[in-house]
Amino acid sequence: MAWHSVSQAQKLTGKSRRTLYRDMASGRVSYRTNASGHRECETSELIRVYGPLADDGTEERHTVSQADGTAPRAEIMEELKALRQEVAELKTMLLRLEHKEEPNQQPAPPAQPAAPWWHIWKKKDS
């Protein structure tokens, strides 16, 4: 059977949170503690202590999976093409900006190598 959180057990049994915790504390209802430290009760245990559980399910089946009113396929495809074109143009512009050199810019001088960390202990030649 399935395990239910305390709030789910409340809905299934129609009992208050206080009643469920009191029954757990007295040993009337057995439970386990999940990985996050919350209490869970098994379905069969809830039925054993409180009797038949509430049926929260619906009687009828839903036959429509998506509401009408979506844009026609041709419009969506046209918009998708336009968006792809715009993205391609933006990528091209970005590449041009990344590779554009600044006018009158001098090349940077080569960096001097840093002194080794142990240079403070090196004896000076005098």
Protein backbone atom coordinates (compact mmCIF):
# COMPACT_ATOMS: atom_id res chain seq x y z
CA MET A 1 0.00 0.00 0.00
CA ALA A 2 0.97 3.66 -0.30
CA TRP A 3 2.43 5.93 2.34
CA HIS A 4 0.72 9.27 3.06
CA SER A 5 1.90 12.46 4.70
CA VAL A 6 -0.01 13.73 7.72
CA SER A 7 -1.87 16.31 5.63
CA GLN A 8 -2.85 13.63 3.10
CA ALA A 9 -3.97 11.37 5.95
CA GLN A 10 -6.13 14.23 7.25
CA LYS A 11 -7.94 14.48 3.92
CA LEU A 12 -8.37 10.72 3.62
CA THR A 13 -9.63 10.12 7.16
CA GLY A 14 -11.43 13.39 7.86
CA LYS A 15 -9.58 13.62 11.20
CA SER A 16 -7.74 16.69 12.47
CA ARG A 17 -3.97 16.98 12.51
CA ARG A 18 -4.09 17.03 16.31
CA THR A 19 -6.04 13.75 16.42
CA LEU A 20 -3.58 12.05 14.06
CA TYR A 21 -0.53 13.17 16.07
CA ARG A 22 -2.20 12.19 19.35
CA ASP A 23 -2.98 8.71 17.99
CA MET A 24 0.61 8.38 16.72
CA ALA A 25 1.99 9.41 20.12
CA SER A 26 -0.23 6.91 21.95
CA GLY A 27 0.76 4.08 19.59
CA ARG A 28 -2.72 3.65 18.15
CA VAL A 29 -1.47 4.52 14.64
CA SER A 30 1.93 3.31 13.49
CA TYR A 31 4.00 5.54 11.25
CA ARG A 32 7.46 5.97 9.80
CA THR A 33 9.69 9.01 9.42
CA ASN A 34 10.82 9.76 5.86
CA ALA A 35 14.24 11.04 4.77
CA SER A 36 13.27 14.67 5.41
CA GLY A 37 12.04 13.90 8.94
CA HIS A 38 8.29 14.03 8.23
CA ARG A 39 5.88 11.39 9.46
CA GLU A 40 4.06 9.09 7.02
CA CYS A 41 1.22 6.63 7.58
CA GLU A 42 0.42 3.63 5.43
CA THR A 43 -3.00 3.37 3.79
CA SER A 44 -3.82 0.02 5.43
CA GLU A 45 -2.96 1.46 8.86
CA LEU A 46 -5.33 4.39 8.32
CA ILE A 47 -8.11 2.00 7.26
CA ARG A 48 -7.44 -0.28 10.26
CA VAL A 49 -7.73 2.57 12.78
CA TYR A 50 -10.26 4.96 11.18
CA GLY A 51 -12.29 2.75 8.85
CA PRO A 52 -13.03 3.41 5.15
CA LEU A 53 -11.22 6.38 3.69
CA ALA A 54 -12.78 9.32 1.86
CA ASP A 55 -12.92 9.04 -1.91
CA ASP A 56 -11.48 12.27 -3.30
CA GLY A 57 -11.50 11.09 -6.91
CA THR A 58 -13.84 12.40 -9.57
CA GLU A 59 -16.61 10.30 -11.04
CA GLU A 60 -16.36 11.56 -14.60
CA ARG A 61 -13.48 11.37 -17.03
CA HIS A 62 -12.15 14.39 -18.79
CA THR A 63 -12.27 13.92 -22.53
CA VAL A 64 -10.70 17.18 -23.67
CA SER A 65 -6.96 17.26 -23.13
CA GLN A 66 -6.40 20.78 -24.42
CA ALA A 67 -8.75 23.71 -24.64
CA ASP A 68 -9.62 25.08 -28.05
CA GLY A 69 -8.28 28.47 -29.00
CA THR A 70 -4.71 27.73 -29.96
CA ALA A 71 -3.33 29.53 -32.97
CA PRO A 72 -3.48 27.68 -36.28
CA ARG A 73 -0.39 25.64 -37.11
CA ALA A 74 0.54 27.82 -40.10
CA GLU A 75 0.68 30.96 -37.91
CA ILE A 76 2.84 29.24 -35.33
CA MET A 77 5.25 27.96 -37.99
CA GLU A 78 5.49 31.42 -39.56
CA GLU A 79 6.28 33.01 -36.22
CA LEU A 80 8.85 30.31 -35.49
CA LYS A 81 10.62 31.02 -38.81
CA ALA A 82 10.68 34.75 -38.04
CA LEU A 83 12.12 34.15 -34.57
CA ARG A 84 14.80 31.83 -35.94
CA GLN A 85 15.76 34.45 -38.53
CA GLU A 86 16.02 37.10 -35.81
CA VAL A 87 18.19 34.86 -33.64
CA ALA A 88 20.52 34.18 -36.59
CA GLU A 89 20.87 37.91 -37.26
CA LEU A 90 21.63 38.61 -33.59
CA LYS A 91 24.28 35.89 -33.53
CA THR A 92 25.93 37.39 -36.61
CA MET A 93 25.94 40.87 -35.04
CA LEU A 94 27.42 39.48 -31.83
CA LEU A 95 30.22 37.75 -33.69
CA ARG A 96 31.03 40.98 -35.56
CA LEU A 97 31.19 42.91 -32.28
CA GLU A 98 33.41 40.32 -30.60
CA HIS A 99 35.99 40.38 -33.41
CA LYS A 100 35.98 44.12 -34.01
CA GLU A 101 39.29 45.77 -33.10
CA GLU A 102 39.37 49.19 -31.51
CA PRO A 103 40.99 51.86 -33.72
CA ASN A 104 44.37 53.30 -32.57
CA GLN A 105 44.79 50.54 -30.04
CA GLN A 106 48.38 49.64 -29.19
CA PRO A 107 49.13 45.98 -28.56
CA ALA A 108 49.63 45.24 -24.88
CA PRO A 109 53.27 44.84 -23.80
CA PRO A 110 54.28 41.33 -22.79
CA ALA A 111 53.77 40.74 -19.10
CA GLN A 112 56.84 40.41 -16.88
CA PRO A 113 57.03 37.04 -15.19
CA ALA A 114 56.31 37.27 -11.49
CA ALA A 115 59.10 36.56 -9.05
CA PRO A 116 58.89 33.11 -7.49
CA TRP A 117 57.29 32.97 -4.05
CA TRP A 118 60.51 31.89 -2.43
CA HIS A 119 62.48 34.97 -3.61
CA ILE A 120 62.25 36.53 -0.12
CA TRP A 121 64.70 33.90 1.23
CA LYS A 122 67.16 34.25 -1.59
CA LYS A 123 70.41 35.88 -0.49
CA LYS A 124 71.35 39.01 -2.30
CA ASP A 125 74.69 39.06 -4.09
CA SER A 126 76.59 42.01 -2.70
